[in-house]
């Protein structure tokens, strides 16, 4: 099990910055698109757009941060064990 985790972490380290940056960029593009739609929307559409923006922030910005934090904590814990 330990070797499998190390293989996944090695792959993740190689592409971590690119993958997380692209994920956040996609989220920001989605938020910008919803912002443009918000300007021309009526009140009921604005509520739906606000909900979409909130969900986008959670999934496209919060999730990469959580993945980065988990990887960081695991790496620091492995340094303490060695």
Protein backbone atom coordinates (compact mmCIF):
# COMPACT_ATOMS: atom_id res chain seq x y z
CA UNK A 1 0.00 0.00 0.00
CA UNK A 2 2.81 2.39 0.82
CA UNK A 3 4.42 1.97 -2.60
CA UNK A 4 1.10 2.65 -4.35
CA UNK A 5 0.69 5.88 -2.39
CA UNK A 6 4.25 6.92 -3.22
CA UNK A 7 3.69 6.27 -6.94
CA UNK A 8 0.53 8.40 -6.94
CA UNK A 9 2.27 11.17 -4.99
CA UNK A 10 5.24 11.16 -7.37
CA UNK A 11 2.90 11.53 -10.35
CA UNK A 12 0.96 14.23 -8.55
CA UNK A 13 4.13 16.15 -7.69
CA UNK A 14 5.18 16.20 -11.34
CA UNK A 15 1.95 17.75 -12.58
CA UNK A 16 0.54 19.32 -9.42
CA UNK A 17 1.17 22.96 -10.28
CA UNK A 18 -0.14 22.67 -13.83
CA UNK A 19 -3.22 20.67 -12.91
CA UNK A 20 -4.23 22.85 -9.99
CA UNK A 21 -3.57 26.05 -11.96
CA UNK A 22 -5.71 24.87 -14.87
CA UNK A 23 -8.47 23.83 -12.49
CA UNK A 24 -8.51 27.25 -10.81
CA UNK A 25 -8.34 29.03 -14.19
CA UNK A 26 -11.36 27.05 -15.38
CA UNK A 27 -13.22 28.07 -12.23
CA UNK A 28 -12.37 31.73 -12.69
CA UNK A 29 -13.49 31.60 -16.33
CA UNK A 30 -16.78 30.04 -15.23
CA UNK A 31 -17.29 32.74 -12.58
CA UNK A 32 -16.57 35.47 -15.16
CA UNK A 33 -19.08 33.91 -17.58
CA UNK A 34 -21.73 33.76 -14.87
CA UNK A 35 -20.94 37.37 -13.96
CA UNK A 36 -21.68 38.49 -17.52
CA UNK A 37 -24.95 36.57 -17.45
CA UNK A 38 -25.81 38.16 -14.08
CA UNK A 39 -25.74 41.67 -15.55
CA UNK A 40 -28.60 40.93 -17.97
CA UNK A 41 -30.65 38.58 -15.77
CA UNK A 42 -33.92 39.18 -13.97
CA UNK A 43 -34.33 38.55 -10.24
CA UNK A 44 -35.13 34.82 -10.41
CA UNK A 45 -32.24 34.17 -12.80
CA UNK A 46 -29.91 36.14 -10.52
CA UNK A 47 -30.66 33.83 -7.60
CA UNK A 48 -29.77 30.81 -9.74
CA UNK A 49 -26.59 32.50 -10.99
CA UNK A 50 -25.54 33.34 -7.42
CA UNK A 51 -26.02 29.69 -6.47
CA UNK A 52 -23.97 28.60 -9.49
CA UNK A 53 -21.15 30.99 -8.61
CA UNK A 54 -21.09 29.75 -5.01
CA UNK A 55 -20.90 26.13 -6.16
CA UNK A 56 -18.18 27.02 -8.66
CA UNK A 57 -16.10 28.63 -5.93
CA UNK A 58 -16.42 25.51 -3.79
CA UNK A 59 -15.59 23.01 -6.52
CA UNK A 60 -13.11 24.83 -8.73
CA UNK A 61 -11.22 26.83 -6.11
CA UNK A 62 -11.86 25.11 -2.78
CA UNK A 63 -11.19 21.57 -4.00
CA UNK A 64 -7.73 22.29 -5.47
CA UNK A 65 -6.80 24.05 -2.23
CA UNK A 66 -7.96 21.04 -0.22
CA UNK A 67 -5.92 18.70 -2.45
CA UNK A 68 -2.86 20.91 -2.12
CA UNK A 69 -3.27 21.07 1.66
CA UNK A 70 -3.69 17.30 1.98
CA UNK A 71 -0.57 16.72 -0.12
CA UNK A 72 1.39 19.27 1.90
CA UNK A 73 0.36 17.76 5.23
CA UNK A 74 1.18 14.25 4.02
CA UNK A 75 4.60 15.36 2.80
CA UNK A 76 5.37 17.10 6.10
CA UNK A 77 4.21 14.07 8.08
CA UNK A 78 6.50 11.82 6.02
CA UNK A 79 9.43 14.14 6.82
CA UNK A 80 8.72 13.75 10.54
CA UNK A 81 8.57 9.96 10.27
CA UNK A 82 11.93 9.68 8.49
